[in-house]
C-alpha atoms as a PDB file:
ATOM      1  CA  MET A   1      10.973   1.129 -12.923  1.00  0.00           C
ATOM      2  CA  ILE A   2       7.645  -0.659 -13.965  1.00  0.00           C
ATOM      3  CA  THR A   3       5.049  -0.126 -11.706  1.00  0.00           C
ATOM      4  CA  LEU A   4       1.515  -1.935 -11.363  1.00  0.00           C
ATOM      5  CA  LEU A   5      -1.033  -0.953  -9.416  1.00  0.00           C
ATOM      6  CA  GLY A   6      -5.059  -1.762  -8.818  1.00  0.00           C
ATOM      7  CA  PRO A   7      -7.305  -3.068  -6.457  1.00  0.00           C
ATOM      8  CA  THR A   8      -7.290  -5.739  -4.310  1.00  0.00           C
ATOM      9  CA  ALA A   9      -8.292  -9.259  -6.325  1.00  0.00           C
ATOM     10  CA  THR A  10      -7.107  -8.098  -9.877  1.00  0.00           C
ATOM     11  CA  GLY A  11      -4.463 -10.298 -10.633  1.00  0.00           C
ATOM     12  CA  LYS A  12      -1.562  -8.106 -10.027  1.00  0.00           C
ATOM     13  CA  THR A  13       0.952 -10.428  -8.301  1.00  0.00           C
ATOM     14  CA  THR A  14       0.709 -12.931 -11.393  1.00  0.00           C
ATOM     15  CA  LEU A  15       0.970  -9.978 -14.085  1.00  0.00           C
ATOM     16  CA  ALA A  16       4.127  -8.894 -12.353  1.00  0.00           C
ATOM     17  CA  ALA A  17       5.437 -12.072 -11.694  1.00  0.00           C
ATOM     18  CA  HIS A  18       5.039 -12.832 -15.787  1.00  0.00           C
ATOM     19  CA  LEU A  19       6.639  -9.443 -16.468  1.00  0.00           C
ATOM     20  CA  ALA A  20       9.985  -9.915 -14.342  1.00  0.00           C
ATOM     21  CA  THR A  21      10.565 -13.254 -16.314  1.00  0.00           C
ATOM     22  CA  LEU A  22      10.223 -11.723 -19.730  1.00  0.00           C
ATOM     23  CA  LEU A  23      12.297  -8.622 -18.433  1.00  0.00           C
ATOM     24  CA  ASN A  24      15.123  -9.821 -15.851  1.00  0.00           C
ATOM     25  CA  GLY A  25      13.052  -8.164 -13.054  1.00  0.00           C
ATOM     26  CA  GLU A  26      12.365  -8.486  -9.338  1.00  0.00           C
ATOM     27  CA  ILE A  27       9.457  -7.516  -7.463  1.00  0.00           C
ATOM     28  CA  ILE A  28       9.051  -5.080  -4.892  1.00  0.00           C
ATOM     29  CA  SER A  29       6.072  -5.508  -2.468  1.00  0.00           C
ATOM     30  CA  ALA A  30       3.973  -2.358  -2.078  1.00  0.00           C
ATOM     31  CA  ASP A  31       1.681  -3.555   0.006  1.00  0.00           C
ATOM     32  CA  SER A  32       1.169  -2.554   3.627  1.00  0.00           C
ATOM     33  CA  ARG A  33       0.530  -5.776   5.396  1.00  0.00           C
ATOM     34  CA  GLN A  34       2.381  -8.464   3.451  1.00  0.00           C
ATOM     35  CA  VAL A  35       5.462  -7.308   4.971  1.00  0.00           C
ATOM     36  CA  TYR A  36       4.348  -9.206   8.385  1.00  0.00           C
ATOM     37  CA  ARG A  37       5.383 -13.244   8.367  1.00  0.00           C
ATOM     38  CA  GLY A  38       3.022 -15.474   9.508  1.00  0.00           C
ATOM     39  CA  MET A  39       0.315 -13.443   8.128  1.00  0.00           C
ATOM     40  CA  ASP A  40      -0.111 -15.204   4.599  1.00  0.00           C
ATOM     41  CA  ILE A  41      -3.547 -16.122   3.568  1.00  0.00           C
ATOM     42  CA  GLY A  42      -5.065 -12.664   4.792  1.00  0.00           C
ATOM     43  CA  THR A  43      -3.295 -10.466   3.347  1.00  0.00           C
ATOM     44  CA  GLY A  44      -3.206 -12.498   0.037  1.00  0.00           C
ATOM     45  CA  LYS A  45       0.661 -13.176  -0.460  1.00  0.00           C
ATOM     46  CA  ASP A  46       0.076 -15.475  -2.773  1.00  0.00           C
ATOM     47  CA  LEU A  47       3.478 -16.838  -2.827  1.00  0.00           C
ATOM     48  CA  ALA A  48       3.169 -19.431  -5.476  1.00  0.00           C
ATOM     49  CA  ASP A  49       2.643 -16.585  -8.048  1.00  0.00           C
ATOM     50  CA  TYR A  50       6.424 -16.117  -7.579  1.00  0.00           C
ATOM     51  CA  THR A  51       7.327 -19.125  -9.291  1.00  0.00           C
ATOM     52  CA  ILE A  52       6.837 -19.221 -13.303  1.00  0.00           C
ATOM     53  CA  ASP A  53       7.626 -22.741 -14.970  1.00  0.00           C
ATOM     54  CA  SER A  54       9.974 -23.944 -11.824  1.00  0.00           C
ATOM     55  CA  ALA A  55      11.604 -20.666 -11.357  1.00  0.00           C
ATOM     56  CA  LYS A  56      11.609 -18.497  -8.200  1.00  0.00           C
ATOM     57  CA  ILE A  57      11.162 -14.824  -9.070  1.00  0.00           C
ATOM     58  CA  PRO A  58      13.216 -12.382  -6.828  1.00  0.00           C
ATOM     59  CA  PHE A  59      10.906 -10.167  -4.631  1.00  0.00           C
ATOM     60  CA  HIS A  60      11.074  -7.980  -1.921  1.00  0.00           C
ATOM     61  CA  LEU A  61       9.479  -6.399   1.324  1.00  0.00           C
ATOM     62  CA  ILE A  62       7.176  -9.468   2.104  1.00  0.00           C
ATOM     63  CA  ASP A  63       7.696 -11.086   5.234  1.00  0.00           C
ATOM     64  CA  ILE A  64      10.060  -8.580   6.772  1.00  0.00           C
ATOM     65  CA  VAL A  65       8.628  -8.132  10.178  1.00  0.00           C
ATOM     66  CA  ASP A  66       6.817  -9.963  12.872  1.00  0.00           C
ATOM     67  CA  PRO A  67       3.132  -9.420  13.793  1.00  0.00           C
ATOM     68  CA  GLY A  68       2.350  -7.041  16.720  1.00  0.00           C
ATOM     69  CA  TYR A  69       4.886  -4.575  15.293  1.00  0.00           C
ATOM     70  CA  GLU A  70       3.390  -1.516  13.396  1.00  0.00           C
ATOM     71  CA  TYR A  71       5.301  -1.262  10.430  1.00  0.00           C
ATOM     72  CA  ASN A  72       4.698   2.517   8.595  1.00  0.00           C
ATOM     73  CA  VAL A  73       4.973   4.195   5.287  1.00  0.00           C
ATOM     74  CA  TYR A  74       8.701   6.174   6.490  1.00  0.00           C
ATOM     75  CA  GLU A  75      10.219   2.470   7.246  1.00  0.00           C
ATOM     76  CA  PHE A  76       8.785   1.402   3.671  1.00  0.00           C
ATOM     77  CA  GLN A  77      10.606   4.527   1.782  1.00  0.00           C
ATOM     78  CA  LYS A  78      13.482   3.737   3.869  1.00  0.00           C
ATOM     79  CA  ASP A  79      13.364  -0.043   2.821  1.00  0.00           C
ATOM     80  CA  PHE A  80      12.311   0.587  -0.581  1.00  0.00           C
ATOM     81  CA  LEU A  81      15.415   2.352  -1.551  1.00  0.00           C
ATOM     82  CA  LYS A  82      17.816  -0.138  -0.017  1.00  0.00           C
ATOM     83  CA  VAL A  83      16.095  -2.628  -2.123  1.00  0.00           C
ATOM     84  CA  TYR A  84      15.692  -0.336  -5.071  1.00  0.00           C
ATOM     85  CA  ASN A  85      19.602   0.441  -5.249  1.00  0.00           C
ATOM     86  CA  ALA A  86      20.586  -3.101  -4.846  1.00  0.00           C
ATOM     87  CA  ILE A  87      18.283  -4.050  -7.610  1.00  0.00           C
ATOM     88  CA  GLU A  88      19.955  -1.170  -9.969  1.00  0.00           C
ATOM     89  CA  GLU A  89      23.303  -2.677  -8.802  1.00  0.00           C
ATOM     90  CA  ARG A  90      22.623  -5.830 -10.033  1.00  0.00           C
ATOM     91  CA  GLY A  91      21.263  -4.574 -13.591  1.00  0.00           C
ATOM     92  CA  THR A  92      18.336  -6.338 -13.108  1.00  0.00           C
ATOM     93  CA  LEU A  93      14.367  -4.314 -13.331  1.00  0.00           C
ATOM     94  CA  PRO A  94      12.884  -3.113 -10.413  1.00  0.00           C
ATOM     95  CA  ILE A  95       9.264  -3.751 -11.085  1.00  0.00           C
ATOM     96  CA  LEU A  96       6.870  -2.323  -8.185  1.00  0.00           C
ATOM     97  CA  CYS A  97       3.754  -3.953  -7.428  1.00  0.00           C
ATOM     98  CA  GLY A  98       0.655  -3.657  -4.939  1.00  0.00           C
ATOM     99  CA  GLY A  99      -2.357  -1.894  -3.902  1.00  0.00           C
ATOM    100  CA  SER A 100      -1.464   0.335  -0.998  1.00  0.00           C
ATOM    101  CA  GLY A 101      -1.527   3.464  -2.763  1.00  0.00           C
ATOM    102  CA  LEU A 102       0.235   5.649   0.271  1.00  0.00           C
ATOM    103  CA  TYR A 103       3.098   3.312  -0.314  1.00  0.00           C
ATOM    104  CA  ILE A 104       3.467   3.476  -4.014  1.00  0.00           C
ATOM    105  CA  GLU A 105       2.858   7.504  -4.075  1.00  0.00           C
ATOM    106  CA  SER A 106       5.623   7.733  -0.833  1.00  0.00           C
ATOM    107  CA  VAL A 107       8.016   6.646  -3.506  1.00  0.00           C
ATOM    108  CA  LEU A 108       7.017   8.087  -6.574  1.00  0.00           C
ATOM    109  CA  LYS A 109       6.531  11.776  -5.541  1.00  0.00           C
ATOM    110  CA  GLY A 110      10.373  12.216  -5.148  1.00  0.00           C
ATOM    111  CA  TYR A 111      10.138  13.501  -1.533  1.00  0.00           C
ATOM    112  CA  LYS A 112      11.422  12.022   2.049  1.00  0.00           C
ATOM    113  CA  LEU A 113       9.036  11.353   4.733  1.00  0.00           C
ATOM    114  CA  LEU A 114      10.331  11.664   8.096  1.00  0.00           C
ATOM    115  CA  ASN A 115       8.749  10.497  10.978  1.00  0.00           C
ATOM    116  CA  VAL A 116       8.670  14.080  12.727  1.00  0.00           C
ATOM    117  CA  PRO A 117       8.383  13.771  16.763  1.00  0.00           C
ATOM    118  CA  LYS A 118       5.196  15.422  18.341  1.00  0.00           C
ATOM    119  CA  ASN A 119       5.742  18.710  19.581  1.00  0.00           C
ATOM    120  CA  GLU A 120       3.343  19.112  22.530  1.00  0.00           C
ATOM    121  CA  LEU A 121       3.948  22.618  23.563  1.00  0.00           C
ATOM    122  CA  LEU A 122       3.368  23.670  20.124  1.00  0.00           C
ATOM    123  CA  ARG A 123       0.657  21.908  19.828  1.00  0.00           C
ATOM    124  CA  GLU A 124      -0.791  23.648  22.796  1.00  0.00           C
ATOM    125  CA  GLU A 125       0.065  26.927  21.492  1.00  0.00           C
ATOM    126  CA  LEU A 126      -1.635  26.119  18.272  1.00  0.00           C
ATOM    127  CA  GLU A 127      -4.770  25.031  19.936  1.00  0.00           C
ATOM    128  CA  LEU A 128      -5.629  28.406  21.014  1.00  0.00           C
ATOM    129  CA  LEU A 129      -5.591  29.856  17.307  1.00  0.00           C
ATOM    130  CA  ALA A 130      -8.608  29.964  14.556  1.00  0.00           C
ATOM    131  CA  ASP A 131      -8.427  27.961  11.881  1.00  0.00           C
ATOM    132  CA  GLN A 132      -8.129  30.923   9.497  1.00  0.00           C
ATOM    133  CA  GLU A 133      -4.427  31.931  11.997  1.00  0.00           C
ATOM    134  CA  LEU A 134      -3.462  28.551  11.422  1.00  0.00           C
ATOM    135  CA  HIS A 135      -3.520  28.678   7.816  1.00  0.00           C
ATOM    136  CA  SER A 136      -1.909  31.542   7.956  1.00  0.00           C
ATOM    137  CA  ILE A 137       0.878  30.477   9.584  1.00  0.00           C
ATOM    138  CA  LEU A 138       1.291  27.596   7.167  1.00  0.00           C
ATOM    139  CA  GLU A 139       1.523  29.867   4.374  1.00  0.00           C
ATOM    140  CA  GLU A 140       4.168  31.400   5.846  1.00  0.00           C
ATOM    141  CA  LEU A 141       6.104  28.559   6.581  1.00  0.00           C
ATOM    142  CA  LYS A 142       5.903  26.918   2.943  1.00  0.00           C
ATOM    143  CA  THR A 143       4.125  27.213  -0.343  1.00  0.00           C
ATOM    144  CA  LEU A 144       0.805  25.542  -0.337  1.00  0.00           C
ATOM    145  CA  HIS A 145       0.631  23.504  -3.393  1.00  0.00           C
ATOM    146  CA  ASN A 146      -2.768  21.708  -2.470  1.00  0.00           C
ATOM    147  CA  THR A 147      -5.559  22.139   0.176  1.00  0.00           C
ATOM    148  CA  THR A 148      -5.392  19.051   2.008  1.00  0.00           C
ATOM    149  CA  ASP A 149      -3.021  20.417   4.609  1.00  0.00           C
ATOM    150  CA  SER A 150      -5.392  22.782   5.699  1.00  0.00           C
ATOM    151  CA  SER A 151      -8.770  20.857   4.762  1.00  0.00           C
ATOM    152  CA  GLU A 152      -8.813  19.549   8.432  1.00  0.00           C
ATOM    153  CA  ARG A 153      -7.941  21.251  11.860  1.00  0.00           C
ATOM    154  CA  GLU A 154      -5.897  18.202  12.892  1.00  0.00           C
ATOM    155  CA  ARG A 155      -4.128  17.885  10.109  1.00  0.00           C
ATOM    156  CA  LEU A 156      -3.136  21.675   9.547  1.00  0.00           C
ATOM    157  CA  ILE A 157      -1.949  21.504  12.942  1.00  0.00           C
ATOM    158  CA  ARG A 158       0.358  18.484  12.151  1.00  0.00           C
ATOM    159  CA  ALA A 159       1.409  20.621   8.950  1.00  0.00           C
ATOM    160  CA  ILE A 160       3.053  23.377  10.956  1.00  0.00           C
ATOM    161  CA  GLU A 161       4.344  21.034  13.496  1.00  0.00           C
ATOM    162  CA  ILE A 162       6.200  19.200  10.721  1.00  0.00           C
ATOM    163  CA  GLN A 163       7.029  22.619   8.448  1.00  0.00           C
ATOM    164  CA  LYS A 164       8.455  23.900  11.923  1.00  0.00           C
ATOM    165  CA  TYR A 165      10.973  20.897  12.386  1.00  0.00           C
ATOM    166  CA  TYR A 166      12.063  21.112   8.928  1.00  0.00           C
ATOM    167  CA  ASN A 167      13.004  24.486   9.261  1.00  0.00           C
ATOM    168  CA  GLU A 168      14.639  24.051  12.740  1.00  0.00           C
ATOM    169  CA  ASN A 169      16.454  21.090  11.357  1.00  0.00           C
ATOM    170  CA  PRO A 170      18.048  22.245   8.175  1.00  0.00           C
ATOM    171  CA  GLU A 171      20.936  19.788   8.440  1.00  0.00           C
ATOM    172  CA  ILE A 172      17.932  16.853   7.957  1.00  0.00           C
ATOM    173  CA  ASP A 173      18.173  15.582   4.375  1.00  0.00           C
ATOM    174  CA  THR A 174      14.608  15.027   3.022  1.00  0.00           C
ATOM    175  CA  HIS A 175      15.708  14.438  -0.419  1.00  0.00           C
ATOM    176  CA  PHE A 176      14.339  11.371  -2.111  1.00  0.00           C
ATOM    177  CA  PRO A 177      15.426   9.911  -5.692  1.00  0.00           C
ATOM    178  CA  LYS A 178      13.360  11.046  -8.526  1.00  0.00           C
ATOM    179  CA  ILE A 179      12.524   7.659 -10.201  1.00  0.00           C
ATOM    180  CA  GLU A 180      11.171   7.549 -13.681  1.00  0.00           C
ATOM    181  CA  THR A 181       8.791   4.704 -13.880  1.00  0.00           C
ATOM    182  CA  LYS A 182       6.124   3.830 -16.355  1.00  0.00           C
ATOM    183  CA  ILE A 183       2.756   3.332 -14.516  1.00  0.00           C
ATOM    184  CA  PHE A 184       0.292   0.482 -15.023  1.00  0.00           C
ATOM    185  CA  GLY A 185      -2.858  -0.487 -13.310  1.00  0.00           C
ATOM    186  CA  ILE A 186      -5.487  -3.225 -13.817  1.00  0.00           C
ATOM    187  CA  ASP A 187      -9.211  -2.324 -14.162  1.00  0.00           C
ATOM    188  CA  PHE A 188     -12.162  -4.214 -14.205  1.00  0.00           C
ATOM    189  CA  ASP A 189     -15.957  -3.115 -14.383  1.00  0.00           C
ATOM    190  CA  ARG A 190     -17.026  -2.862 -10.370  1.00  0.00           C
ATOM    191  CA  ARG A 191     -19.296  -5.818 -10.900  1.00  0.00           C
ATOM    192  CA  VAL A 192     -16.267  -7.961 -11.757  1.00  0.00           C
ATOM    193  CA  VAL A 193     -14.318  -6.679  -9.270  1.00  0.00           C
ATOM    194  CA  LYS A 194     -16.814  -7.552  -6.617  1.00  0.00           C
ATOM    195  CA  MET A 195     -17.423 -11.119  -7.766  1.00  0.00           C
ATOM    196  CA  ARG A 196     -13.780 -11.456  -7.861  1.00  0.00           C
ATOM    197  CA  ILE A 197     -13.535 -10.268  -4.394  1.00  0.00           C
ATOM    198  CA  THR A 198     -16.195 -12.668  -3.077  1.00  0.00           C
ATOM    199  CA  GLU A 199     -15.039 -15.924  -4.835  1.00  0.00           C
ATOM    200  CA  ARG A 200     -11.515 -15.166  -3.286  1.00  0.00           C
ATOM    201  CA  LEU A 201     -13.105 -14.261   0.243  1.00  0.00           C
ATOM    202  CA  GLU A 202     -14.505 -18.209  -0.076  1.00  0.00           C
ATOM    203  CA  GLU A 203     -11.306 -19.607  -1.291  1.00  0.00           C
ATOM    204  CA  ARG A 204      -9.302 -18.166   1.560  1.00  0.00           C
ATOM    205  CA  LEU A 205     -11.576 -19.093   4.251  1.00  0.00           C
ATOM    206  CA  ASN A 206     -11.774 -22.416   2.868  1.00  0.00           C
ATOM    207  CA  SER A 207      -7.750 -22.515   2.817  1.00  0.00           C
ATOM    208  CA  GLY A 208      -7.063 -21.953   6.053  1.00  0.00           C
ATOM    209  CA  MET A 209      -7.789 -18.205   6.833  1.00  0.00           C
ATOM    210  CA  ILE A 210      -9.427 -18.629   9.985  1.00  0.00           C
ATOM    211  CA  GLU A 211      -6.518 -21.081  11.552  1.00  0.00           C
ATOM    212  CA  GLU A 212      -4.220 -18.715  10.677  1.00  0.00           C
ATOM    213  CA  VAL A 213      -6.046 -16.177  12.718  1.00  0.00           C
ATOM    214  CA  GLN A 214      -6.420 -18.518  15.482  1.00  0.00           C
ATOM    215  CA  GLY A 215      -2.498 -19.283  15.554  1.00  0.00           C
ATOM    216  CA  LEU A 216      -1.745 -15.607  15.638  1.00  0.00           C
ATOM    217  CA  LEU A 217      -4.105 -15.166  18.885  1.00  0.00           C
ATOM    218  CA  THR A 218      -2.561 -18.451  20.593  1.00  0.00           C
ATOM    219  CA  ARG A 219       0.857 -17.065  19.880  1.00  0.00           C
ATOM    220  CA  GLY A 220      -0.183 -13.876  22.027  1.00  0.00           C
ATOM    221  CA  LEU A 221      -1.114 -11.259  20.124  1.00  0.00           C
ATOM    222  CA  LYS A 222      -4.198  -9.332  21.183  1.00  0.00           C
ATOM    223  CA  PRO A 223      -7.661  -9.003  19.461  1.00  0.00           C
ATOM    224  CA  GLU A 224      -7.258  -5.160  19.388  1.00  0.00           C
ATOM    225  CA  GLN A 225      -3.912  -5.508  17.556  1.00  0.00           C
ATOM    226  CA  LEU A 226      -4.913  -7.714  14.965  1.00  0.00           C
ATOM    227  CA  SER A 227      -7.649  -5.087  14.468  1.00  0.00           C
ATOM    228  CA  PHE A 228      -5.040  -3.356  13.173  1.00  0.00           C
ATOM    229  CA  TYR A 229      -3.770  -5.405  10.259  1.00  0.00           C
ATOM    230  CA  GLY A 230      -7.016  -5.212   8.333  1.00  0.00           C
ATOM    231  CA  LEU A 231     -10.135  -6.587   7.551  1.00  0.00           C
ATOM    232  CA  GLU A 232      -9.630 -10.021   7.341  1.00  0.00           C
ATOM    233  CA  TYR A 233      -7.963  -9.840  10.983  1.00  0.00           C
ATOM    234  CA  LYS A 234     -10.740  -7.879  12.318  1.00  0.00           C
ATOM    235  CA  TRP A 235     -13.858  -9.828  11.156  1.00  0.00           C
ATOM    236  CA  VAL A 236     -12.658 -13.367  11.555  1.00  0.00           C
ATOM    237  CA  THR A 237     -11.278 -12.406  15.494  1.00  0.00           C
ATOM    238  CA  ASP A 238     -14.874 -11.546  16.098  1.00  0.00           C
ATOM    239  CA  TYR A 239     -16.152 -14.566  14.846  1.00  0.00           C
ATOM    240  CA  LEU A 240     -13.696 -16.606  16.919  1.00  0.00           C
ATOM    241  CA  GLU A 241     -14.233 -14.502  19.960  1.00  0.00           C
ATOM    242  CA  GLY A 242     -18.022 -15.388  19.321  1.00  0.00           C
ATOM    243  CA  LYS A 243     -19.152 -11.915  18.630  1.00  0.00           C
ATOM    244  CA  ILE A 244     -20.719 -12.991  15.284  1.00  0.00           C
ATOM    245  CA  ALA A 245     -21.867 -15.872  13.556  1.00  0.00           C
ATOM    246  CA  TYR A 246     -19.884 -17.496  10.653  1.00  0.00           C
ATOM    247  CA  ASP A 247     -22.489 -16.260   8.099  1.00  0.00           C
ATOM    248  CA  GLU A 248     -22.264 -12.747   9.441  1.00  0.00           C
ATOM    249  CA  MET A 249     -18.613 -12.795   9.428  1.00  0.00           C
ATOM    250  CA  PHE A 250     -18.626 -13.549   5.523  1.00  0.00           C
ATOM    251  CA  ARG A 251     -20.945 -10.972   5.209  1.00  0.00           C
ATOM    252  CA  ARG A 252     -19.459  -8.314   7.037  1.00  0.00           C
ATOM    253  CA  LEU A 253     -16.294  -8.873   5.766  1.00  0.00           C
ATOM    254  CA  ASN A 254     -17.019  -9.160   2.133  1.00  0.00           C
ATOM    255  CA  ILE A 255     -19.075  -6.124   2.312  1.00  0.00           C
ATOM    256  CA  ALA A 256     -15.744  -4.131   3.948  1.00  0.00           C
ATOM    257  CA  ILE A 257     -13.412  -5.454   1.480  1.00  0.00           C
ATOM    258  CA  HIS A 258     -15.938  -4.018  -1.360  1.00  0.00           C
ATOM    259  CA  GLN A 259     -15.956  -1.134   0.268  1.00  0.00           C
ATOM    260  CA  PHE A 260     -11.975  -0.825   0.439  1.00  0.00           C
ATOM    261  CA  SER A 261     -11.621  -1.851  -3.130  1.00  0.00           C
ATOM    262  CA  LYS A 262     -13.239   1.345  -3.918  1.00  0.00           C
ATOM    263  CA  ARG A 263     -11.602   3.212  -1.957  1.00  0.00           C
ATOM    264  CA  GLN A 264      -8.090   1.798  -3.253  1.00  0.00           C
ATOM    265  CA  MET A 265      -9.669   3.002  -6.907  1.00  0.00           C
ATOM    266  CA  THR A 266     -10.221   6.552  -5.446  1.00  0.00           C
ATOM    267  CA  TRP A 267      -6.694   6.977  -4.500  1.00  0.00           C
ATOM    268  CA  PHE A 268      -5.678   6.361  -7.707  1.00  0.00           C
ATOM    269  CA  ARG A 269      -7.695   8.591  -9.594  1.00  0.00           C
ATOM    270  CA  LYS A 270      -6.514  10.827  -6.986  1.00  0.00           C
ATOM    271  CA  MET A 271      -2.997  10.161  -8.068  1.00  0.00           C
ATOM    272  CA  GLU A 272      -3.891  10.683 -11.690  1.00  0.00           C
ATOM    273  CA  LYS A 273      -5.180  14.268 -10.937  1.00  0.00           C
ATOM    274  CA  GLN A 274      -2.094  14.980  -9.312  1.00  0.00           C
ATOM    275  CA  GLY A 275      -0.346  14.450 -12.610  1.00  0.00           C
ATOM    276  CA  PHE A 276       0.867  10.375 -12.169  1.00  0.00           C
ATOM    277  CA  GLU A 277      -0.184   9.173 -15.976  1.00  0.00           C
ATOM    278  CA  ILE A 278      -1.491   5.241 -15.218  1.00  0.00           C
ATOM    279  CA  ASN A 279      -1.741   3.181 -18.117  1.00  0.00           C
ATOM    280  CA  TRP A 280      -4.933   1.117 -17.506  1.00  0.00           C
ATOM    281  CA  ILE A 281      -5.184  -2.511 -19.070  1.00  0.00           C
ATOM    282  CA  ASP A 282      -8.595  -4.164 -19.336  1.00  0.00           C
ATOM    283  CA  GLY A 283      -8.326  -6.632 -16.804  1.00  0.00           C
ATOM    284  CA  ASN A 284     -10.659  -9.099 -18.803  1.00  0.00           C
ATOM    285  CA  LEU A 285      -7.601  -9.186 -21.458  1.00  0.00           C
ATOM    286  CA  GLY A 286      -5.498 -12.606 -21.498  1.00  0.00           C
ATOM    287  CA  LEU A 287      -2.096 -12.812 -19.731  1.00  0.00           C
ATOM    288  CA  PRO A 288      -0.416 -12.613 -23.086  1.00  0.00           C
ATOM    289  CA  GLU A 289      -2.421  -9.473 -24.195  1.00  0.00           C
ATOM    290  CA  LYS A 290      -1.889  -7.831 -20.777  1.00  0.00           C
ATOM    291  CA  ILE A 291       2.357  -8.206 -21.178  1.00  0.00           C
ATOM    292  CA  ALA A 292       1.880  -7.090 -25.015  1.00  0.00           C
ATOM    293  CA  PHE A 293       0.229  -3.924 -23.840  1.00  0.00           C
ATOM    294  CA  ILE A 294       2.470  -3.158 -21.424  1.00  0.00           C
ATOM    295  CA  LEU A 295       5.563  -4.080 -23.731  1.00  0.00           C
ATOM    296  CA  GLN A 296       4.331  -1.740 -26.399  1.00  0.00           C
ATOM    297  CA  LYS A 297       3.944   1.156 -23.994  1.00  0.00           C
ATOM    298  CA  LEU A 298       7.699   0.628 -22.346  1.00  0.00           C
ATOM    299  CA  PRO A 299      10.446   3.084 -23.750  1.00  0.00           C
ATOM    300  CA  LYS A 300      12.273   0.983 -26.991  1.00  0.00           C
END
């Protein structure tokens, strides 16, 4: 599998589509919001990018659930595996493409996430214990490979709850197939990314993003529900409700997307520290040069 990642507004979809054309590939979207039908402009689906020279590139995990539903990483793992296996059976190349670091990491780490139910009785017992006692319990339950589980009390209690569930239900299959992949990331200078984000936001607002959000509200989605779907939906909803003026909406949304893009890069750098090798592509290169860079790195 080829994995293509990067922050928002860096041209991942276009590159993935051209790669798919060359390598007989199919694209698996790793975007936590593009799964929603009718949320096209705000999520940046850019569906036209999946057509190259009149040929449609197969893509998956886009437009699979209705707005109002809260899709999650557990479901993504399950849906990804179905699609991945089907692509393998067809003898084509899976290309995982997106900017949702959690989703990408969830299928590359080689373990299955389970939607472990809350255990309120256990939580009440654990709340009475000091942080060090909680840490000791978790150490007894499993080998700690990093400190993330024990860095915050809430995470620590949840980690114990999950591990106890696994231990008490040994029949549950937590195996997730190890997928061989070459990871590529598109990298721009921060100033260039900020400029691209601002230009893209202006383009989306002029292309019907406000009307898209109004349509979702008209269909019955509540403003608080739309906030769940990310920055564009939150700020445009505030504008439509008369809470802020257009210029203020644009300013705040633009800043928020810049901050989101920075967090995406922080996630990818964290993945590198965890041992994932990301081959970074200079975003300023032309499309042919980017493709040549990838082809050169792929196993012969």
